Amino acid sequence: MNKKVLLIAGTALILIAIAIYTRVKNSGLPVKIVETQNRAVEKTVSANGSVVSKNSVDLSFPASGVISKIYVEKGETVSKGQIAALLNSSSASETANALKDARDIAIRNKDIYIYDHRNDSQESRNSNDYKLQIRKYDELISQAEASYQAQRSTLNNYKITAPFAGTILEINKKDGETAVAASTVIKIADLNNVHFEIDLDQEDYGFVREDQSAEITLDSYDNGSFNGKVTMLTRYAQKTATGDERFLVEISIETEEDRQISLGMTGDADIIVEKTDQEVQSLDYDAVYNDGEKHYVWTAENGVLHKEDVDIGLRGDLYTEIKTDLSGKTIVIPVNGTNQFKEGIKIKVVQ
């Protein structure tokens, strides 16, 4: 009895499968028609990044000490060479003044010696003793001058000056606080000279060249992109925290009056690494297939699917250049995106 039930159930399943197959066979696999279009085909390299300044630096004192005065404020625009902060340098200044006095005394001693021997005969002033004494004075003056200049140069360690014209971004100390040598006190950047900075892996980096055009989309603006151009490629890789090697790329960014570009803005850059010289016959990227040896498309003829070999040009991000003349051909793609196409099967075009 159980065997009979199983036999009946199995037969029913086979009949259902045959019915479904027959329906698909008779009605055909659903497909959509796609048409070639003339357009420019582009291939890009994309990466996210941020707006950075061409000139940006953390300023610190070379020496440690108590800050006597900070002369700038956050957001202030400064000129090149402008003093931004000073350390208390009273002790160093006193030492410099003392060494200056010592130098002046050495110079005066030589002048006095020459004055005291002004009436000596020419023969006496040409004597070895006279010349030796003058040479001693000159050596003392030279030593005193060197000591004074060396001390004067150390006074530069007690001040911070702007290395370029820019804007003060951060101030980390106040008057009267102690600054440790080489610790950041002030951060300055040139906000009039900014660019977009990205990093690429080795594969993408190999496609990029200087002067290639780019389109930059900033997260702060949703009304279009900014034009740019690749201006610098690093010649060495930098390792990330995960051990990956990345290459830094700088892209200029064209400013616009109604959309201010600010330091730190983030976004994406699409670098156009290859582009057709003019509009060409093309298809959507997914409409062109490859079997490992050649490229092809699927065409429909009298409700039957056919494989059509094609020669391609540039395979871009969205479209593929088609060099084969496909005039009069009806090109189709799967409706559901899954390629179940086979040569000779029946198809049905759907909208």
Protein backbone atom coordinates (compact mmCIF):
# COMPACT_ATOMS: atom_id res chain seq x y z
CA MET A 1 0.00 0.00 0.00
CA ASN A 2 2.80 2.40 0.92
CA LYS A 3 4.69 1.56 -2.27
CA LYS A 4 1.59 2.38 -4.32
CA VAL A 5 1.21 5.77 -2.62
CA LEU A 6 4.86 6.59 -3.20
CA LEU A 7 4.58 5.60 -6.85
CA ILE A 8 1.55 7.82 -7.36
CA ALA A 9 3.25 10.77 -5.60
CA GLY A 10 6.42 10.36 -7.65
CA THR A 11 4.47 10.22 -10.88
CA ALA A 12 2.61 13.40 -9.91
CA LEU A 13 5.86 15.27 -9.28
CA ILE A 14 7.25 14.21 -12.64
CA LEU A 15 4.10 15.37 -14.39
CA ILE A 16 4.26 18.75 -12.60
CA ALA A 17 7.92 19.23 -13.60
CA ILE A 18 7.11 18.35 -17.20
CA ALA A 19 4.25 20.84 -17.17
CA ILE A 20 6.44 23.64 -15.85
CA TYR A 21 9.19 22.89 -18.37
CA THR A 22 6.65 22.77 -21.20
CA ARG A 23 5.20 26.12 -20.14
CA VAL A 24 8.64 27.78 -20.02
CA LYS A 25 9.60 26.13 -23.30
CA ASN A 26 6.44 27.27 -25.01
CA SER A 27 6.32 30.79 -23.53
CA GLY A 28 10.09 31.39 -23.57
CA LEU A 29 12.59 32.81 -21.08
CA PRO A 30 11.77 36.48 -20.30
CA VAL A 31 14.33 39.00 -21.63
CA LYS A 32 14.71 42.76 -21.99
CA ILE A 33 15.92 44.58 -25.08
CA VAL A 34 18.89 46.94 -24.76
CA GLU A 35 20.10 49.25 -27.49
CA THR A 36 23.53 50.57 -28.38
CA GLN A 37 24.08 54.26 -27.86
CA ASN A 38 26.71 56.71 -29.00
CA ARG A 39 28.43 58.24 -25.97
CA ALA A 40 31.82 58.84 -24.43
CA VAL A 41 33.09 55.84 -22.46
CA GLU A 42 35.16 56.47 -19.34
CA LYS A 43 37.19 54.35 -16.98
CA THR A 44 37.86 55.83 -13.55
CA VAL A 45 39.71 55.11 -10.34
CA SER A 46 37.73 56.11 -7.27
CA ALA A 47 38.67 56.66 -3.64
CA ASN A 48 37.51 58.63 -0.64
CA GLY A 49 39.62 61.36 0.88
CA SER A 50 39.61 64.81 2.44
CA VAL A 51 40.49 68.44 1.84
CA VAL A 52 43.92 69.29 3.21
CA SER A 53 46.17 72.33 3.03
CA LYS A 54 49.25 72.40 0.85
CA ASN A 55 50.95 74.22 3.72
CA SER A 56 50.00 73.03 7.18
CA VAL A 57 52.34 72.76 10.12
CA ASP A 58 52.45 72.34 13.90
CA LEU A 59 54.60 75.04 15.50
CA SER A 60 56.63 74.49 18.66
CA PHE A 61 59.49 76.05 20.61
CA PRO A 62 62.93 74.42 20.17
CA ALA A 63 63.54 75.17 23.88
CA SER A 64 61.52 74.58 27.01
CA GLY A 65 60.34 77.44 29.19
CA VAL A 66 57.53 79.64 30.40
CA ILE A 67 55.46 81.36 27.72
CA SER A 68 55.66 85.11 28.20
CA LYS A 69 53.24 86.06 25.42
CA ILE A 70 51.08 84.54 22.68
CA TYR A 71 50.44 87.24 20.09
CA VAL A 72 47.87 85.49 17.87
CA GLU A 73 44.32 84.22 18.22
CA LYS A 74 42.52 81.23 16.74
CA GLY A 75 41.15 82.07 13.30
CA GLU A 76 43.50 85.02 12.86
CA THR A 77 45.26 85.52 9.53
CA VAL A 78 49.01 86.02 9.88
CA SER A 79 51.79 86.99 7.50
CA LYS A 80 55.04 85.16 6.87
CA GLY A 81 57.63 85.88 9.58
CA GLN A 82 55.09 87.34 12.02
CA ILE A 83 55.91 86.57 15.66
CA ALA A 84 53.24 84.28 17.11
CA ALA A 85 54.59 83.53 20.59
CA LEU A 86 57.57 84.18 22.90
CA LEU A 87 59.12 82.31 25.79
CA ASN A 88 60.61 84.10 28.78
CA SER A 89 64.17 84.65 27.58
CA SER A 90 65.47 87.07 30.20
CA SER A 91 68.33 84.82 31.26
CA ALA A 92 69.38 84.08 27.68
CA SER A 93 69.12 87.77 26.80
CA GLU A 94 71.33 88.74 29.73
CA THR A 95 73.92 86.23 28.61
CA ALA A 96 73.79 87.58 25.06
CA ASN A 97 74.25 91.15 26.34
CA ALA A 98 77.22 90.09 28.45
CA LEU A 99 78.87 88.39 25.48
CA LYS A 100 78.20 91.47 23.34
CA ASP A 101 79.94 93.61 25.96
CA ALA A 102 82.88 91.19 25.98
CA ARG A 103 83.17 91.49 22.21
CA ASP A 104 83.00 95.28 22.35
CA ILE A 105 85.73 95.32 25.01
CA ALA A 106 87.98 93.16 22.83
CA ILE A 107 87.46 95.55 19.91
CA ARG A 108 88.14 98.55 22.15
CA ASN A 109 91.35 96.98 23.52
CA LYS A 110 92.68 96.58 20.01
CA ASP A 111 91.77 100.17 19.16
CA ILE A 112 93.53 101.42 22.30
CA TYR A 113 96.68 99.43 21.47
CA ILE A 114 96.76 100.88 17.97
CA TYR A 115 96.17 104.39 19.32
CA ASP A 116 98.94 104.03 21.90
CA HIS A 117 101.40 103.08 19.16
CA ARG A 118 100.24 105.67 16.66
CA ASN A 119 103.48 107.63 16.93
CA ASP A 120 105.75 104.61 16.59
CA SER A 121 107.97 104.47 13.59
CA GLN A 122 106.91 102.59 10.51
CA GLU A 123 109.66 100.11 11.20
CA SER A 124 108.25 99.45 14.68
CA ARG A 125 104.71 98.89 13.35
CA ASN A 126 106.12 96.45 10.85
CA SER A 127 107.93 94.50 13.51
CA ASN A 128 106.96 90.93 14.38
CA ASP A 129 106.10 91.91 17.97
CA TYR A 130 103.60 94.53 16.80
CA LYS A 131 102.02 92.22 14.25
CA LEU A 132 101.83 89.39 16.78
CA GLN A 133 100.01 91.61 19.26
CA ILE A 134 97.52 92.74 16.63
CA ARG A 135 96.91 89.12 15.65
CA LYS A 136 96.19 88.26 19.31
CA TYR A 137 93.63 91.05 19.53
CA ASP A 138 91.98 89.86 16.29
CA GLU A 139 91.74 86.33 17.64
CA LEU A 140 90.16 87.54 20.86
CA ILE A 141 87.67 89.65 18.87
CA SER A 142 86.84 86.69 16.62
CA GLN A 143 86.25 84.39 19.59
CA ALA A 144 84.12 86.97 21.36
CA GLU A 145 82.08 87.59 18.20
CA ALA A 146 81.48 83.86 17.69
CA SER A 147 80.31 83.43 21.28
CA TYR A 148 78.00 86.40 20.99
CA GLN A 149 76.48 85.27 17.68
CA ALA A 150 76.00 81.74 18.98
CA GLN A 151 74.11 83.06 22.00
CA ARG A 152 72.05 85.36 19.79
CA SER A 153 71.01 82.41 17.63
CA THR A 154 69.74 80.59 20.71
CA LEU A 155 67.30 83.46 21.25
CA ASN A 156 65.45 82.18 18.16
CA ASN A 157 64.60 79.12 20.26
CA TYR A 158 62.48 81.35 22.44
CA LYS A 159 60.08 82.53 19.75
CA ILE A 160 57.64 81.10 17.24
CA THR A 161 57.19 82.84 13.91
CA ALA A 162 54.81 82.02 11.06
CA PRO A 163 56.73 80.12 8.34
CA PHE A 164 54.20 81.25 5.71
CA ALA A 165 51.10 83.39 5.39
CA GLY A 166 48.12 81.48 6.75
CA THR A 167 45.41 81.09 9.35
CA ILE A 168 45.80 80.05 12.98
CA LEU A 169 43.83 76.82 13.45
CA GLU A 170 44.72 75.84 17.01
CA ILE A 171 46.41 77.32 20.08
CA ASN A 172 47.25 74.75 22.74
CA LYS A 173 48.88 77.00 25.37
CA LYS A 174 48.24 80.22 27.29
CA ASP A 175 50.44 83.01 28.60
CA GLY A 176 52.34 81.89 31.70
CA GLU A 177 52.12 78.17 30.95
CA THR A 178 55.18 76.01 30.49
CA ALA A 179 55.99 74.81 27.00
CA VAL A 180 58.08 71.68 26.51
CA ALA A 181 60.55 71.72 23.63
CA ALA A 182 59.10 70.32 20.39
CA SER A 183 55.53 70.09 21.79
CA THR A 184 52.88 71.70 19.59
CA VAL A 185 51.82 75.16 20.72
CA ILE A 186 50.19 76.55 17.57
CA LYS A 187 48.85 74.97 14.37
CA ILE A 188 48.78 77.05 11.20
CA ALA A 189 47.57 76.32 7.67
CA ASP A 190 47.25 78.16 4.38
CA LEU A 191 43.51 77.98 3.69
CA ASN A 192 43.94 79.64 0.30
CA ASN A 193 45.99 76.74 -1.02
CA VAL A 194 44.06 73.52 -0.44
CA HIS A 195 43.76 70.27 -2.37
CA PHE A 196 41.97 66.93 -2.13
CA GLU A 197 44.06 64.03 -0.85
CA ILE A 198 43.38 60.32 -1.35
CA ASP A 199 45.37 57.11 -1.03
CA LEU A 200 45.26 54.18 -3.45
CA ASP A 201 46.31 50.56 -3.45
CA GLN A 202 48.96 49.37 -5.88
CA GLU A 203 46.49 48.12 -8.48
CA ASP A 204 44.62 51.42 -8.83
CA TYR A 205 47.78 53.51 -8.44
CA GLY A 206 49.21 51.98 -11.60
CA PHE A 207 46.46 53.61 -13.72
CA VAL A 208 46.91 57.13 -12.36
CA ARG A 209 49.09 59.81 -13.97
CA GLU A 210 49.72 63.47 -13.23
CA ASP A 211 47.41 65.95 -15.03
CA GLN A 212 44.54 63.44 -15.32
CA SER A 213 41.14 65.05 -14.79
CA ALA A 214 39.07 64.22 -11.73
CA GLU A 215 35.61 64.87 -10.34
CA ILE A 216 35.36 65.47 -6.60
CA THR A 217 32.13 65.07 -4.65
CA LEU A 218 32.17 66.54 -1.14
CA ASP A 219 29.87 65.21 1.55
CA SER A 220 29.03 68.79 2.55
CA TYR A 221 27.37 69.51 -0.81
CA ASP A 222 24.79 67.45 -2.66
CA ASN A 223 24.46 69.76 -5.65
CA GLY A 224 27.14 68.48 -7.99
CA SER A 225 30.85 67.81 -8.07
CA PHE A 226 34.00 69.94 -8.26
CA ASN A 227 36.50 69.72 -11.10
CA GLY A 228 40.05 68.77 -10.28
CA LYS A 229 43.33 67.46 -11.68
CA VAL A 230 45.97 65.08 -10.37
CA THR A 231 48.92 67.24 -9.29
CA MET A 232 51.16 64.88 -7.32
CA LEU A 233 51.85 61.16 -6.99
CA THR A 234 54.09 59.90 -4.19
CA ARG A 235 56.95 57.68 -5.31
CA TYR A 236 56.80 55.45 -2.26
CA ALA A 237 54.17 53.45 -0.40
CA GLN A 238 52.99 54.09 3.14
CA LYS A 239 51.96 51.20 5.35
CA THR A 240 48.62 51.38 7.10
CA ALA A 241 47.84 50.03 10.57
CA THR A 242 46.67 46.81 8.94
CA GLY A 243 49.90 46.40 6.99
CA ASP A 244 48.47 47.41 3.61
CA GLU A 245 50.60 49.57 1.36
CA ARG A 246 48.93 52.72 0.04
CA PHE A 247 50.10 55.51 -2.26
CA LEU A 248 49.24 59.14 -1.60
CA VAL A 249 47.71 61.18 -4.44
CA GLU A 250 47.05 64.93 -4.44
CA ILE A 251 44.28 66.41 -6.58
CA SER A 252 43.74 70.11 -7.19
CA ILE A 253 40.19 71.31 -6.63
CA GLU A 254 38.57 74.26 -8.37
CA THR A 255 36.84 76.61 -5.93
CA GLU A 256 33.47 78.23 -6.51
CA GLU A 257 32.04 81.41 -5.03
CA ASP A 258 28.78 79.89 -3.81
CA ARG A 259 30.33 76.71 -2.35
CA GLN A 260 33.14 77.31 0.12
CA ILE A 261 35.70 74.54 0.44
CA SER A 262 36.97 74.15 4.00
CA LEU A 263 39.85 72.24 5.47
CA GLY A 264 38.85 68.76 6.63
CA MET A 265 35.86 68.28 4.34
CA THR A 266 35.52 64.66 3.22
CA GLY A 267 34.25 63.15 0.01
CA ASP A 268 35.09 61.01 -3.01
CA ALA A 269 37.29 61.53 -6.04
CA ASP A 270 36.79 59.88 -9.43
CA ILE A 271 39.97 60.12 -11.52
CA ILE A 272 39.39 59.63 -15.24
CA VAL A 273 42.26 57.31 -16.18
CA GLU A 274 41.02 56.47 -19.69
CA LYS A 275 38.38 57.95 -21.99
CA THR A 276 37.37 57.64 -25.63
CA ASP A 277 38.32 60.61 -27.79
CA GLN A 278 34.75 60.98 -29.01
CA GLU A 279 31.32 59.44 -28.69
CA VAL A 280 31.37 55.79 -29.70
CA GLN A 281 28.90 52.93 -30.09
CA SER A 282 28.48 51.38 -26.66
CA LEU A 283 26.39 49.09 -24.48
CA ASP A 284 25.75 48.87 -20.77
CA TYR A 285 28.65 47.15 -19.04
CA ASP A 286 26.52 44.15 -17.98
CA ALA A 287 25.23 43.54 -21.51
CA VAL A 288 28.65 42.38 -22.74
CA TYR A 289 29.91 38.95 -21.71
CA ASN A 290 33.21 37.11 -21.88
CA ASP A 291 33.79 33.36 -22.07
CA GLY A 292 37.50 33.59 -21.35
CA GLU A 293 38.48 33.82 -25.01
CA LYS A 294 36.21 36.36 -26.62
CA HIS A 295 33.50 38.89 -25.88
CA TYR A 296 29.92 38.42 -27.00
CA VAL A 297 26.37 39.67 -26.61
CA TRP A 298 23.03 37.86 -26.76
CA THR A 299 20.68 38.67 -29.61
CA ALA A 300 17.10 37.67 -30.33
CA GLU A 301 15.94 36.43 -33.73
CA ASN A 302 12.44 35.06 -34.31
CA GLY A 303 12.01 34.42 -30.59
CA VAL A 304 15.22 32.42 -30.31
CA LEU A 305 18.41 33.36 -28.45
CA HIS A 306 21.72 33.62 -30.33
CA LYS A 307 25.28 34.30 -29.22
CA GLU A 308 26.93 37.14 -31.17
CA ASP A 309 30.70 37.64 -30.96
CA VAL A 310 31.83 41.27 -30.78
CA ASP A 311 35.04 43.27 -30.78
CA ILE A 312 35.25 45.76 -27.96
CA GLY A 313 37.27 48.86 -27.28
CA LEU A 314 37.40 50.59 -23.92
CA ARG A 315 35.62 48.73 -21.13
CA GLY A 316 34.59 51.57 -18.86
CA ASP A 317 32.90 51.76 -15.49
CA LEU A 318 29.33 51.87 -16.81
CA TYR A 319 29.59 51.22 -20.53
CA THR A 320 31.65 49.18 -22.98
CA GLU A 321 32.75 50.43 -26.38
CA ILE A 322 31.49 48.13 -29.17
CA LYS A 323 33.52 48.14 -32.39
CA THR A 324 31.43 45.52 -34.18
CA ASP A 325 28.55 46.88 -36.26
CA LEU A 326 25.36 45.68 -34.53
CA SER A 327 22.95 47.46 -36.82
CA GLY A 328 19.78 45.45 -37.24
CA LYS A 329 20.56 43.22 -34.24
CA THR A 330 18.17 42.92 -31.30
CA ILE A 331 20.35 42.76 -28.18
CA VAL A 332 18.80 41.28 -25.05
CA ILE A 333 19.68 40.73 -21.41
CA PRO A 334 18.07 38.63 -18.63
CA VAL A 335 15.12 40.20 -16.86
CA ASN A 336 16.16 39.05 -13.39
CA GLY A 337 19.86 39.74 -13.85
CA THR A 338 20.75 36.03 -13.63
CA ASN A 339 22.28 34.74 -16.84
CA GLN A 340 20.44 31.49 -17.72
CA PHE A 341 20.93 32.07 -21.43
CA LYS A 342 21.82 29.24 -23.78
CA GLU A 343 22.19 29.20 -27.51
CA GLY A 344 18.95 28.38 -29.27
CA ILE A 345 16.48 28.57 -26.37
CA LYS A 346 13.14 30.29 -26.80
CA ILE A 347 12.75 33.74 -25.29
CA LYS A 348 9.99 36.23 -24.68
CA VAL A 349 10.60 39.97 -24.72
CA VAL A 350 9.06 41.84 -21.80
CA GLN A 351 8.95 45.54 -21.11
